[in-house]
């Protein structure tokens, strides 16, 4: 199996992390696939504009991880990096070896000015990106 992520990223507690810029390069120029573990309410509003994305909510990961490709590099993302790290630990325990966490999640991606797809029609509320929820129609 091809080895990915050579000479890039940093290790924290034994797991590989990529900065948003490093992840963007891997997703744009190499064969890496983004694994977005956020709930659909989050990614339907804002997602990373990269060539290939698999959407699999964290709460569905344990029952559906076998659908993920083991022969491809996966960069795991969530809103801030918490659930993506937990997903990475879980997948590592299931013998996925070409995986990396997007450090800081979509929040850091956006701060770095990297490309996003936004659905401005999907109005959200919340004090930070990690707490955004669709607004009730009556709260417009």
N, C-alpha and C. Protein backbone atom coordinates (compact mmCIF):
# COMPACT_ATOMS: atom_id res chain seq x y z
N UNK A 1 0.84 -1.17 0.00
CA UNK A 1 0.00 0.00 0.00
C UNK A 1 0.89 1.24 0.00
N UNK A 2 0.50 2.23 -0.78
CA UNK A 2 1.25 3.47 -0.87
C UNK A 2 1.22 4.21 0.46
N UNK A 3 2.37 4.78 0.83
CA UNK A 3 2.44 5.56 2.05
C UNK A 3 2.27 7.04 1.72
N UNK A 4 1.38 7.70 2.44
CA UNK A 4 1.07 9.11 2.23
C UNK A 4 1.68 9.95 3.36
N UNK A 5 1.57 11.24 3.23
CA UNK A 5 1.94 12.21 4.27
C UNK A 5 3.40 12.13 4.70
N UNK A 6 4.29 11.91 3.76
CA UNK A 6 5.72 11.88 4.09
C UNK A 6 6.23 13.29 4.28
N UNK A 7 6.98 13.50 5.35
CA UNK A 7 7.63 14.78 5.62
C UNK A 7 6.67 15.96 5.69
N UNK A 8 5.50 15.73 6.22
CA UNK A 8 4.55 16.82 6.39
C UNK A 8 3.80 16.64 7.69
N UNK A 9 3.29 17.72 8.23
CA UNK A 9 2.49 17.66 9.44
C UNK A 9 3.32 17.57 10.71
N UNK A 10 2.60 17.41 11.81
CA UNK A 10 3.24 17.27 13.11
C UNK A 10 2.49 16.21 13.91
N UNK A 11 3.21 15.57 14.80
CA UNK A 11 2.63 14.51 15.61
C UNK A 11 2.28 15.03 16.99
N UNK A 12 1.09 14.68 17.44
CA UNK A 12 0.64 15.03 18.78
C UNK A 12 0.04 13.77 19.40
N UNK A 13 0.57 13.37 20.53
CA UNK A 13 0.13 12.14 21.21
C UNK A 13 0.12 10.94 20.28
N UNK A 14 1.08 10.87 19.36
CA UNK A 14 1.22 9.74 18.47
C UNK A 14 0.37 9.78 17.21
N UNK A 15 -0.35 10.87 16.99
CA UNK A 15 -1.23 10.97 15.82
C UNK A 15 -0.81 12.15 14.94
N UNK A 16 -0.90 11.93 13.63
CA UNK A 16 -0.48 12.95 12.68
C UNK A 16 -1.55 14.03 12.53
N UNK A 17 -1.10 15.27 12.57
CA UNK A 17 -1.96 16.44 12.37
C UNK A 17 -1.38 17.26 11.23
N UNK A 18 -2.26 17.84 10.43
CA UNK A 18 -1.85 18.73 9.36
C UNK A 18 -2.42 20.11 9.62
N UNK A 19 -1.64 21.13 9.31
CA UNK A 19 -2.18 22.48 9.35
C UNK A 19 -3.17 22.61 8.18
N UNK A 20 -4.03 23.60 8.19
CA UNK A 20 -4.94 23.76 7.05
C UNK A 20 -4.21 23.89 5.71
N UNK A 21 -3.12 24.64 5.67
CA UNK A 21 -2.39 24.80 4.41
C UNK A 21 -1.76 23.48 3.95
N UNK A 22 -1.22 22.70 4.87
CA UNK A 22 -0.67 21.39 4.52
C UNK A 22 -1.79 20.47 4.01
N UNK A 23 -2.92 20.50 4.69
CA UNK A 23 -4.05 19.66 4.28
C UNK A 23 -4.54 20.08 2.89
N UNK A 24 -4.64 21.37 2.64
CA UNK A 24 -5.10 21.86 1.34
C UNK A 24 -4.19 21.36 0.23
N UNK A 25 -2.91 21.39 0.47
CA UNK A 25 -1.95 20.91 -0.54
C UNK A 25 -2.17 19.41 -0.78
N UNK A 26 -2.31 18.64 0.27
CA UNK A 26 -2.52 17.19 0.12
C UNK A 26 -3.84 16.90 -0.60
N UNK A 27 -4.88 17.66 -0.29
CA UNK A 27 -6.19 17.44 -0.89
C UNK A 27 -6.25 17.93 -2.34
N UNK A 28 -5.49 18.94 -2.66
CA UNK A 28 -5.52 19.52 -4.01
C UNK A 28 -4.54 18.87 -4.97
N UNK A 29 -3.36 18.54 -4.47
CA UNK A 29 -2.29 18.07 -5.36
C UNK A 29 -2.05 16.57 -5.29
N UNK A 30 -2.44 15.95 -4.22
CA UNK A 30 -2.16 14.53 -4.05
C UNK A 30 -3.47 13.74 -4.07
N UNK A 31 -3.44 12.53 -3.62
CA UNK A 31 -4.61 11.67 -3.72
C UNK A 31 -5.41 11.61 -2.42
N UNK A 32 -5.24 12.56 -1.55
CA UNK A 32 -5.93 12.54 -0.26
C UNK A 32 -7.41 12.88 -0.43
N UNK A 33 -8.22 12.29 0.44
CA UNK A 33 -9.66 12.51 0.47
C UNK A 33 -10.01 13.12 1.82
N UNK A 34 -10.89 14.09 1.81
CA UNK A 34 -11.35 14.69 3.05
C UNK A 34 -12.47 13.84 3.63
N UNK A 35 -12.37 13.52 4.91
CA UNK A 35 -13.44 12.83 5.63
C UNK A 35 -14.02 13.82 6.61
N UNK A 36 -15.22 14.32 6.32
CA UNK A 36 -15.89 15.31 7.16
C UNK A 36 -16.81 14.57 8.11
N UNK A 37 -16.51 14.65 9.41
CA UNK A 37 -17.28 13.91 10.42
C UNK A 37 -18.30 14.80 11.14
N UNK A 38 -18.57 15.97 10.57
CA UNK A 38 -19.59 16.85 11.16
C UNK A 38 -20.98 16.36 10.79
N UNK A 39 -21.96 16.78 11.57
CA UNK A 39 -23.35 16.50 11.28
C UNK A 39 -23.76 17.25 10.01
N UNK A 40 -24.75 16.74 9.31
CA UNK A 40 -25.15 17.35 8.04
C UNK A 40 -25.61 18.80 8.19
N UNK A 41 -26.12 19.19 9.32
CA UNK A 41 -26.54 20.58 9.53
C UNK A 41 -25.34 21.53 9.41
N UNK A 42 -24.17 21.05 9.76
CA UNK A 42 -22.98 21.89 9.68
C UNK A 42 -22.43 21.93 8.26
N UNK A 43 -22.24 20.76 7.63
CA UNK A 43 -21.62 20.78 6.31
C UNK A 43 -22.56 21.25 5.22
N UNK A 44 -23.87 21.21 5.46
CA UNK A 44 -24.78 21.76 4.45
C UNK A 44 -24.68 23.28 4.41
N UNK A 45 -24.25 23.88 5.49
CA UNK A 45 -24.06 25.33 5.55
C UNK A 45 -22.70 25.75 5.01
N UNK A 46 -21.66 25.06 5.46
CA UNK A 46 -20.30 25.46 5.09
C UNK A 46 -19.43 24.22 5.01
N UNK A 47 -18.73 24.06 3.86
CA UNK A 47 -17.84 22.92 3.71
C UNK A 47 -16.57 23.35 2.98
N UNK A 48 -15.58 22.51 3.04
CA UNK A 48 -14.31 22.80 2.40
C UNK A 48 -14.42 22.54 0.91
N UNK A 49 -13.95 23.47 0.11
CA UNK A 49 -13.98 23.33 -1.35
C UNK A 49 -12.73 22.59 -1.81
N UNK A 50 -12.82 21.28 -1.81
CA UNK A 50 -11.72 20.41 -2.23
C UNK A 50 -12.28 19.37 -3.19
N UNK A 51 -11.39 18.71 -3.96
CA UNK A 51 -11.87 17.80 -5.00
C UNK A 51 -12.72 16.63 -4.52
N UNK A 52 -12.36 15.98 -3.43
CA UNK A 52 -13.10 14.79 -3.02
C UNK A 52 -13.37 14.80 -1.52
N UNK A 53 -14.66 14.63 -1.17
CA UNK A 53 -15.08 14.65 0.23
C UNK A 53 -16.00 13.47 0.50
N UNK A 54 -15.79 12.84 1.64
CA UNK A 54 -16.71 11.83 2.14
C UNK A 54 -17.35 12.43 3.39
N UNK A 55 -18.67 12.45 3.42
CA UNK A 55 -19.39 12.95 4.59
C UNK A 55 -19.88 11.75 5.39
N UNK A 56 -19.40 11.64 6.60
CA UNK A 56 -19.81 10.55 7.50
C UNK A 56 -19.79 11.11 8.91
N UNK A 57 -20.96 11.44 9.42
CA UNK A 57 -21.06 12.05 10.74
C UNK A 57 -20.41 11.16 11.80
N UNK A 58 -19.79 11.82 12.77
CA UNK A 58 -19.07 11.10 13.82
C UNK A 58 -19.94 10.04 14.49
N UNK A 59 -21.21 10.35 14.73
CA UNK A 59 -22.07 9.39 15.41
C UNK A 59 -22.42 8.19 14.53
N UNK A 60 -22.10 8.25 13.25
CA UNK A 60 -22.32 7.13 12.33
C UNK A 60 -21.03 6.38 12.00
N UNK A 61 -19.91 6.90 12.44
CA UNK A 61 -18.61 6.33 12.08
C UNK A 61 -18.46 4.89 12.52
N UNK A 62 -18.83 4.59 13.74
CA UNK A 62 -18.62 3.24 14.28
C UNK A 62 -19.40 2.16 13.54
N UNK A 63 -20.52 2.54 12.95
CA UNK A 63 -21.31 1.54 12.22
C UNK A 63 -21.01 1.54 10.72
N UNK A 64 -20.37 2.59 10.21
CA UNK A 64 -20.16 2.69 8.76
C UNK A 64 -18.70 2.83 8.34
N UNK A 65 -17.76 2.65 9.26
CA UNK A 65 -16.35 2.87 8.92
C UNK A 65 -15.85 1.91 7.84
N UNK A 66 -16.47 0.75 7.71
CA UNK A 66 -16.02 -0.23 6.71
C UNK A 66 -16.24 0.25 5.28
N UNK A 67 -17.05 1.28 5.09
CA UNK A 67 -17.29 1.83 3.75
C UNK A 67 -16.16 2.75 3.31
N UNK A 68 -15.27 3.12 4.22
CA UNK A 68 -14.19 4.05 3.91
C UNK A 68 -13.04 3.32 3.20
N UNK A 69 -12.38 3.98 2.25
CA UNK A 69 -11.27 3.34 1.54
C UNK A 69 -10.02 3.27 2.41
N UNK A 70 -9.44 2.08 2.53
CA UNK A 70 -8.20 1.93 3.29
C UNK A 70 -6.97 2.20 2.44
N UNK A 71 -7.13 2.21 1.13
CA UNK A 71 -6.00 2.40 0.23
C UNK A 71 -5.79 3.86 -0.17
N UNK A 72 -6.55 4.76 0.43
CA UNK A 72 -6.42 6.19 0.15
C UNK A 72 -6.06 6.92 1.45
N UNK A 73 -5.44 8.06 1.29
CA UNK A 73 -5.15 8.91 2.44
C UNK A 73 -6.40 9.67 2.82
N UNK A 74 -6.72 9.67 4.11
CA UNK A 74 -7.89 10.38 4.61
C UNK A 74 -7.44 11.50 5.54
N UNK A 75 -7.94 12.70 5.29
CA UNK A 75 -7.73 13.82 6.19
C UNK A 75 -9.07 14.08 6.86
N UNK A 76 -9.10 13.95 8.16
CA UNK A 76 -10.35 14.00 8.91
C UNK A 76 -10.57 15.41 9.45
N UNK A 77 -11.80 15.92 9.26
CA UNK A 77 -12.11 17.29 9.68
C UNK A 77 -13.43 17.32 10.42
N UNK A 78 -13.52 18.24 11.35
CA UNK A 78 -14.78 18.61 11.99
C UNK A 78 -14.73 20.13 12.18
N UNK A 79 -15.54 20.65 13.06
CA UNK A 79 -15.56 22.11 13.24
C UNK A 79 -14.28 22.64 13.85
N UNK A 80 -13.79 21.99 14.91
CA UNK A 80 -12.64 22.53 15.62
C UNK A 80 -11.49 21.55 15.84
N UNK A 81 -11.67 20.30 15.50
CA UNK A 81 -10.59 19.32 15.65
C UNK A 81 -10.80 18.32 16.77
N UNK A 82 -11.87 18.42 17.51
CA UNK A 82 -12.10 17.53 18.65
C UNK A 82 -12.64 16.17 18.19
N UNK A 83 -13.76 16.18 17.47
CA UNK A 83 -14.33 14.92 17.00
C UNK A 83 -13.46 14.28 15.92
N UNK A 84 -12.80 15.09 15.12
CA UNK A 84 -11.93 14.52 14.09
C UNK A 84 -10.77 13.76 14.73
N UNK A 85 -10.26 14.25 15.83
CA UNK A 85 -9.19 13.53 16.54
C UNK A 85 -9.72 12.22 17.09
N UNK A 86 -10.92 12.24 17.66
CA UNK A 86 -11.53 11.01 18.16
C UNK A 86 -11.78 10.03 17.03
N UNK A 87 -12.20 10.54 15.88
CA UNK A 87 -12.42 9.69 14.70
C UNK A 87 -11.10 9.07 14.25
N UNK A 88 -10.03 9.85 14.29
CA UNK A 88 -8.73 9.35 13.89
C UNK A 88 -8.26 8.23 14.82
N UNK A 89 -8.46 8.40 16.10
CA UNK A 89 -8.09 7.36 17.06
C UNK A 89 -8.90 6.09 16.79
N UNK A 90 -10.20 6.24 16.56
CA UNK A 90 -11.05 5.08 16.26
C UNK A 90 -10.58 4.37 14.99
N UNK A 91 -10.35 5.13 13.93
CA UNK A 91 -9.93 4.52 12.66
C UNK A 91 -8.55 3.88 12.76
N UNK A 92 -7.68 4.50 13.52
CA UNK A 92 -6.36 3.91 13.75
C UNK A 92 -6.49 2.55 14.43
N UNK A 93 -7.39 2.45 15.39
CA UNK A 93 -7.65 1.18 16.07
C UNK A 93 -8.24 0.13 15.12
N UNK A 94 -8.83 0.59 14.02
CA UNK A 94 -9.42 -0.31 13.01
C UNK A 94 -8.45 -0.53 11.84
N UNK A 95 -7.18 -0.24 12.08
CA UNK A 95 -6.08 -0.50 11.12
C UNK A 95 -6.08 0.41 9.89
N UNK A 96 -6.63 1.60 10.01
CA UNK A 96 -6.43 2.61 8.98
C UNK A 96 -5.10 3.27 9.27
N UNK A 97 -4.19 3.27 8.30
CA UNK A 97 -2.86 3.79 8.57
C UNK A 97 -2.56 5.12 7.89
N UNK A 98 -3.23 5.43 6.81
CA UNK A 98 -2.98 6.67 6.08
C UNK A 98 -4.03 7.71 6.43
N UNK A 99 -3.98 8.16 7.68
CA UNK A 99 -4.96 9.12 8.17
C UNK A 99 -4.25 10.29 8.87
N UNK A 100 -4.88 11.44 8.80
CA UNK A 100 -4.36 12.63 9.47
C UNK A 100 -5.53 13.48 9.93
N UNK A 101 -5.31 14.20 10.99
CA UNK A 101 -6.30 15.12 11.53
C UNK A 101 -6.04 16.53 10.99
N UNK A 102 -7.09 17.23 10.61
CA UNK A 102 -6.95 18.63 10.22
C UNK A 102 -6.96 19.45 11.51
N UNK A 103 -5.80 19.90 11.92
CA UNK A 103 -5.65 20.65 13.18
C UNK A 103 -6.48 21.92 13.15
N UNK A 104 -7.31 22.10 14.15
CA UNK A 104 -8.13 23.29 14.26
C UNK A 104 -9.41 23.25 13.45
N UNK A 105 -9.60 22.19 12.67
CA UNK A 105 -10.83 22.00 11.92
C UNK A 105 -11.14 23.09 10.92
N UNK A 106 -12.41 23.18 10.58
CA UNK A 106 -12.85 24.15 9.58
C UNK A 106 -12.68 25.59 10.08
N UNK A 107 -12.65 25.78 11.38
CA UNK A 107 -12.44 27.12 11.94
C UNK A 107 -11.08 27.66 11.50
N UNK A 108 -10.03 26.85 11.66
CA UNK A 108 -8.69 27.29 11.25
C UNK A 108 -8.56 27.37 9.73
N UNK A 109 -9.23 26.45 9.03
CA UNK A 109 -9.24 26.47 7.56
C UNK A 109 -9.75 27.84 7.07
N UNK A 110 -10.86 28.25 7.65
CA UNK A 110 -11.46 29.53 7.25
C UNK A 110 -10.57 30.70 7.65
N UNK A 111 -9.97 30.65 8.82
CA UNK A 111 -9.06 31.73 9.26
C UNK A 111 -7.87 31.88 8.32
N UNK A 112 -7.44 30.75 7.74
CA UNK A 112 -6.31 30.81 6.80
C UNK A 112 -6.74 31.27 5.41
N UNK A 113 -8.03 31.53 5.22
CA UNK A 113 -8.51 32.03 3.94
C UNK A 113 -8.56 30.98 2.84
N UNK A 114 -8.64 29.72 3.22
CA UNK A 114 -8.69 28.65 2.22
C UNK A 114 -10.11 28.50 1.68
N UNK A 115 -10.25 27.89 0.50
CA UNK A 115 -11.56 27.88 -0.17
C UNK A 115 -12.65 27.11 0.57
N UNK A 116 -13.82 27.73 0.59
CA UNK A 116 -15.01 27.16 1.23
C UNK A 116 -16.17 27.19 0.25
N UNK A 117 -17.10 26.29 0.47
CA UNK A 117 -18.40 26.35 -0.20
C UNK A 117 -19.40 26.71 0.87
N UNK A 118 -20.13 27.79 0.64
CA UNK A 118 -21.11 28.23 1.63
C UNK A 118 -22.50 28.28 1.03
N UNK A 119 -23.46 27.83 1.79
CA UNK A 119 -24.86 27.92 1.41
C UNK A 119 -25.47 29.04 2.23
N UNK A 120 -25.48 30.24 1.67
CA UNK A 120 -25.96 31.40 2.43
C UNK A 120 -27.46 31.35 2.66
N UNK A 121 -28.15 30.47 1.96
CA UNK A 121 -29.59 30.33 2.16
C UNK A 121 -29.89 29.54 3.43
N UNK A 122 -28.93 28.76 3.88
CA UNK A 122 -29.09 27.97 5.10
C UNK A 122 -28.65 28.86 6.26
N UNK A 123 -29.59 29.52 6.90
CA UNK A 123 -29.28 30.45 7.99
C UNK A 123 -29.02 29.68 9.27
N UNK A 124 -27.94 30.05 9.94
CA UNK A 124 -27.55 29.36 11.16
C UNK A 124 -27.39 30.35 12.30
N UNK A 125 -27.47 29.82 13.51
CA UNK A 125 -27.21 30.65 14.68
C UNK A 125 -26.31 29.88 15.62
N UNK A 126 -25.65 30.58 16.50
CA UNK A 126 -24.75 29.96 17.47
C UNK A 126 -23.60 30.91 17.76
N UNK A 127 -22.98 30.75 18.92
CA UNK A 127 -21.93 31.68 19.32
C UNK A 127 -20.60 31.38 18.66
N UNK A 128 -20.40 30.16 18.20
CA UNK A 128 -19.17 29.84 17.47
C UNK A 128 -19.49 28.76 16.46
N UNK A 129 -18.57 28.53 15.54
CA UNK A 129 -18.78 27.57 14.46
C UNK A 129 -19.14 26.19 15.00
N UNK A 130 -18.58 25.81 16.13
CA UNK A 130 -18.82 24.47 16.66
C UNK A 130 -20.22 24.32 17.27
N UNK A 131 -20.95 25.42 17.44
CA UNK A 131 -22.28 25.35 18.03
C UNK A 131 -23.39 25.77 17.07
N UNK A 132 -23.05 25.97 15.80
CA UNK A 132 -24.05 26.45 14.86
C UNK A 132 -25.15 25.43 14.64
N UNK A 133 -26.35 25.90 14.62
CA UNK A 133 -27.55 25.08 14.39
C UNK A 133 -28.46 25.83 13.43
N UNK A 134 -29.23 25.12 12.63
CA UNK A 134 -30.20 25.83 11.77
C UNK A 134 -31.18 26.64 12.63
N UNK A 135 -31.48 27.84 12.18
CA UNK A 135 -32.44 28.69 12.88
C UNK A 135 -33.85 28.18 12.63
N UNK A 136 -34.70 28.40 13.58
CA UNK A 136 -36.12 28.12 13.38
C UNK A 136 -36.66 29.16 12.42
N UNK A 137 -37.60 28.77 11.62
CA UNK A 137 -38.17 29.71 10.64
C UNK A 137 -38.75 30.95 11.34
N UNK A 138 -39.26 30.79 12.55
CA UNK A 138 -39.87 31.92 13.27
C UNK A 138 -38.85 32.91 13.80
N UNK A 139 -37.56 32.56 13.84
CA UNK A 139 -36.54 33.46 14.41
C UNK A 139 -35.86 34.32 13.37
N UNK A 140 -36.35 34.36 12.15
CA UNK A 140 -35.71 35.19 11.10
C UNK A 140 -35.87 36.65 11.37
